[in-house]
Amino acid sequence: MEPHEEPGRPLEETSGNPADRSPDPDDERFAGIVAHLAHEDPQFVRRVSAPRAVGLGVGDLMIVVGLVATVLFGVVPLGIGLHAGAVPLLVVGALGCLLLPAGAPLAVRAILRRTRPLMP
């Protein structure tokens, strides 16, 4: 499928490929503004910095923690409770399967907001 050209806009702006775009003269100006704001307010850098390419991002970490917590404290107790007929394990497993997929990522986000160091 070939990219189509929208009326009034050149193909390189609509293709979505960053290599097709012409260099933007405002990029240097924007970088200067961000550097000035970072010098004045270090918290600003924390709010607008792009994620590092190395390691897990916050979203990836939230997904992994949510999945692991759900399996360990939801699916496993539910399976053991069903197999053994233990009502407390059924309740713990059901609550874990319902609450942990949403609760664990929110807890990770809250913890990381408090402990993440400022970017240099």
Protein backbone atom coordinates (compact mmCIF):
# COMPACT_ATOMS: atom_id res chain seq x y z
CA MET A 1 0.00 0.00 0.00
CA GLU A 2 1.45 3.34 -1.03
CA PRO A 3 1.07 6.40 1.17
CA HIS A 4 -1.28 8.95 -0.29
CA GLU A 5 -0.68 12.64 -0.45
CA GLU A 6 -3.19 14.79 1.38
CA PRO A 7 -4.28 17.92 -0.44
CA GLY A 8 -2.17 20.90 0.53
CA ARG A 9 0.49 18.87 2.39
CA PRO A 10 3.65 17.34 0.92
CA LEU A 11 4.10 13.57 1.07
CA GLU A 12 7.01 13.69 3.56
CA GLU A 13 4.77 15.27 6.21
CA THR A 14 2.05 12.62 5.87
CA SER A 15 4.16 9.47 5.47
CA GLY A 16 4.85 9.07 9.20
CA ASN A 17 8.50 8.19 8.59
CA PRO A 18 10.79 10.59 10.52
CA ALA A 19 13.51 10.17 7.88
CA ASP A 20 11.18 11.61 5.21
CA ARG A 21 10.63 14.84 7.13
CA SER A 22 12.74 17.86 6.45
CA PRO A 23 14.74 19.20 9.43
CA ASP A 24 12.67 21.57 11.53
CA PRO A 25 14.35 24.89 12.34
CA ASP A 26 12.26 25.13 15.50
CA ASP A 27 13.91 22.02 16.99
CA GLU A 28 16.98 23.96 18.10
CA ARG A 29 14.84 26.73 19.51
CA PHE A 30 12.72 24.21 21.42
CA ALA A 31 15.83 22.48 22.78
CA GLY A 32 17.11 25.86 23.99
CA ILE A 33 13.82 26.60 25.74
CA VAL A 34 13.82 23.19 27.45
CA ALA A 35 17.46 23.63 28.55
CA HIS A 36 16.67 27.06 30.01
CA LEU A 37 13.62 25.74 31.86
CA ALA A 38 15.62 22.74 33.10
CA HIS A 39 18.21 25.10 34.56
CA GLU A 40 15.53 27.17 36.33
CA ASP A 41 13.24 24.31 37.40
CA PRO A 42 14.76 20.77 37.65
CA GLN A 43 11.27 19.33 38.21
CA PHE A 44 10.42 20.47 34.66
CA VAL A 45 12.94 18.00 33.24
CA ARG A 46 11.27 15.21 35.17
CA ARG A 47 7.91 16.07 33.66
CA VAL A 48 8.88 16.43 29.99
CA SER A 49 11.95 14.27 29.43
CA ALA A 50 11.71 11.48 26.90
CA PRO A 51 12.11 7.98 28.32
CA ARG A 52 15.52 6.40 28.02
CA ALA A 53 15.94 3.76 25.32
CA VAL A 54 17.79 1.42 27.70
CA GLY A 55 15.88 -0.69 30.21
CA LEU A 56 12.22 -0.94 31.03
CA GLY A 57 10.02 2.12 30.82
CA VAL A 58 7.47 2.96 33.46
CA GLY A 59 4.65 1.53 31.37
CA ASP A 60 6.52 -1.72 30.83
CA LEU A 61 7.25 -2.00 34.53
CA MET A 62 3.60 -1.37 35.39
CA ILE A 63 2.48 -4.13 33.00
CA VAL A 64 5.01 -6.65 34.33
CA VAL A 65 4.18 -5.95 37.99
CA GLY A 66 0.44 -6.12 37.28
CA LEU A 67 0.81 -9.44 35.46
CA VAL A 68 3.08 -11.04 38.06
CA ALA A 69 0.93 -9.86 40.98
CA THR A 70 -2.24 -11.10 39.29
CA VAL A 71 -0.75 -14.52 38.63
CA LEU A 72 0.83 -14.93 42.08
CA PHE A 73 -1.98 -13.49 44.20
CA GLY A 74 -4.96 -14.15 41.94
CA VAL A 75 -4.70 -17.05 39.54
CA VAL A 76 -2.58 -19.39 41.69
CA PRO A 77 -4.73 -19.10 44.85
CA LEU A 78 -7.87 -19.38 42.74
CA GLY A 79 -6.61 -22.54 41.06
CA ILE A 80 -5.50 -24.11 44.35
CA GLY A 81 -8.78 -23.08 45.98
CA LEU A 82 -10.80 -24.68 43.19
CA HIS A 83 -8.74 -27.85 43.31
CA ALA A 84 -8.74 -28.18 47.10
CA GLY A 85 -12.19 -26.73 47.71
CA ALA A 86 -10.80 -24.12 50.10
CA VAL A 87 -13.18 -21.16 50.29
CA PRO A 88 -10.60 -18.66 51.69
CA LEU A 89 -8.29 -19.34 48.76
CA LEU A 90 -11.19 -18.93 46.36
CA VAL A 91 -12.02 -15.54 47.88
CA VAL A 92 -8.38 -14.39 47.88
CA GLY A 93 -7.91 -15.60 44.30
CA ALA A 94 -11.10 -13.96 43.05
CA LEU A 95 -10.23 -10.65 44.70
CA GLY A 96 -6.68 -10.87 43.37
CA CYS A 97 -7.93 -11.48 39.83
CA LEU A 98 -10.35 -8.56 40.07
CA LEU A 99 -8.28 -5.93 41.87
CA LEU A 100 -4.61 -6.53 41.05
CA PRO A 101 -4.68 -5.95 37.27
CA ALA A 102 -5.65 -2.33 37.96
CA GLY A 103 -4.27 -1.83 41.47
CA ALA A 104 -0.69 -3.05 40.99
CA PRO A 105 0.14 -0.70 38.07
CA LEU A 106 -1.35 2.25 39.98
CA ALA A 107 0.78 1.38 43.00
CA VAL A 108 3.91 1.15 40.80
CA ARG A 109 3.15 4.56 39.31
CA ALA A 110 2.65 6.12 42.74
CA ILE A 111 5.90 4.62 44.06
CA LEU A 112 7.92 5.65 41.00
CA ARG A 113 6.63 9.20 41.15
CA ARG A 114 8.03 9.49 44.67
CA THR A 115 11.32 7.65 44.18
CA ARG A 116 12.39 8.35 40.57
CA PRO A 117 15.49 10.58 40.61
CA LEU A 118 15.62 13.70 38.51
CA MET A 119 17.21 13.32 35.10
CA PRO A 120 20.58 15.06 34.66
